[in-house]
Amino acid sequence: LLHAGIIIGCILIICLMLWVSLRLASPIGARLGRTGLNILNRLFGLLLAAIAAQILASGLLGLFPGLR
């Protein structure tokens, strides 16, 4: 019962953080401007590509242990 309460509490905190971030998205976007949003878009794209490369490398090492 305690674990269920902790999980529900964590879910509620995450929902609140998501609501706040979505609520503030328009003012933040207006303040950053078009150039700032383009810069953030490229940075997050690069971060996503790095994560994808790491997952791919881990998968290949698991599939082909001789690559180590």
Protein backbone atom coordinates (compact mmCIF):
# COMPACT_ATOMS: atom_id res chain seq x y z
CA LEU A 1 0.00 0.00 0.00
CA LEU A 2 2.88 2.36 0.77
CA HIS A 3 4.51 1.63 -2.58
CA ALA A 4 1.27 2.33 -4.41
CA GLY A 5 0.99 5.69 -2.66
CA ILE A 6 4.56 6.57 -3.59
CA ILE A 7 3.95 5.62 -7.21
CA ILE A 8 0.73 7.63 -7.35
CA GLY A 9 2.52 10.60 -5.77
CA CYS A 10 5.32 10.40 -8.34
CA ILE A 11 2.81 10.22 -11.18
CA LEU A 12 1.00 13.28 -9.84
CA ILE A 13 4.26 15.22 -9.54
CA ILE A 14 5.21 14.31 -13.11
CA CYS A 15 1.74 15.35 -14.33
CA LEU A 16 2.09 18.68 -12.54
CA MET A 17 5.54 19.29 -14.05
CA LEU A 18 4.23 18.42 -17.51
CA TRP A 19 1.24 20.76 -17.09
CA VAL A 20 3.50 23.62 -15.97
CA SER A 21 5.92 23.10 -18.86
CA LEU A 22 3.10 22.99 -21.42
CA ARG A 23 1.43 26.01 -19.82
CA LEU A 24 4.65 28.04 -20.06
CA ALA A 25 5.58 26.85 -23.58
CA SER A 26 4.02 29.81 -25.39
CA PRO A 27 5.60 32.55 -23.24
CA ILE A 28 8.99 30.83 -23.38
CA GLY A 29 8.70 30.41 -27.15
CA ALA A 30 7.78 34.07 -27.55
CA ARG A 31 10.74 35.15 -25.44
CA LEU A 32 13.23 32.93 -27.27
CA GLY A 33 12.08 33.99 -30.71
CA ARG A 34 12.41 32.13 -33.95
CA THR A 35 16.21 31.93 -33.88
CA GLY A 36 16.32 30.67 -30.30
CA LEU A 37 13.76 27.99 -31.07
CA ASN A 38 15.75 26.90 -34.13
CA ILE A 39 18.91 26.64 -32.01
CA LEU A 40 17.10 24.57 -29.36
CA ASN A 41 15.57 22.40 -32.07
CA ARG A 42 19.01 21.60 -33.48
CA LEU A 43 20.54 20.98 -30.05
CA PHE A 44 17.79 18.57 -29.01
CA GLY A 45 18.03 16.85 -32.40
CA LEU A 46 21.75 16.34 -31.82
CA LEU A 47 21.05 14.99 -28.33
CA LEU A 48 18.46 12.58 -29.71
CA ALA A 49 20.89 11.39 -32.40
CA ALA A 50 23.59 10.78 -29.76
CA ILE A 51 21.17 8.74 -27.63
CA ALA A 52 20.11 6.74 -30.70
CA ALA A 53 23.75 6.03 -31.60
CA GLN A 54 24.44 4.84 -28.04
CA ILE A 55 21.42 2.52 -28.07
CA LEU A 56 22.45 1.17 -31.48
CA ALA A 57 26.03 0.58 -30.31
CA SER A 58 24.83 -1.20 -27.16
CA GLY A 59 22.53 -3.39 -29.22
CA LEU A 60 25.26 -4.30 -31.68
CA LEU A 61 27.67 -5.16 -28.86
CA GLY A 62 25.01 -7.41 -27.34
CA LEU A 63 24.32 -9.05 -30.69
CA PHE A 64 27.98 -9.44 -31.69
CA PRO A 65 30.10 -9.94 -28.54
CA GLY A 66 33.24 -10.22 -30.66
CA LEU A 67 33.11 -6.47 -31.40
CA ARG A 68 34.42 -5.64 -27.95
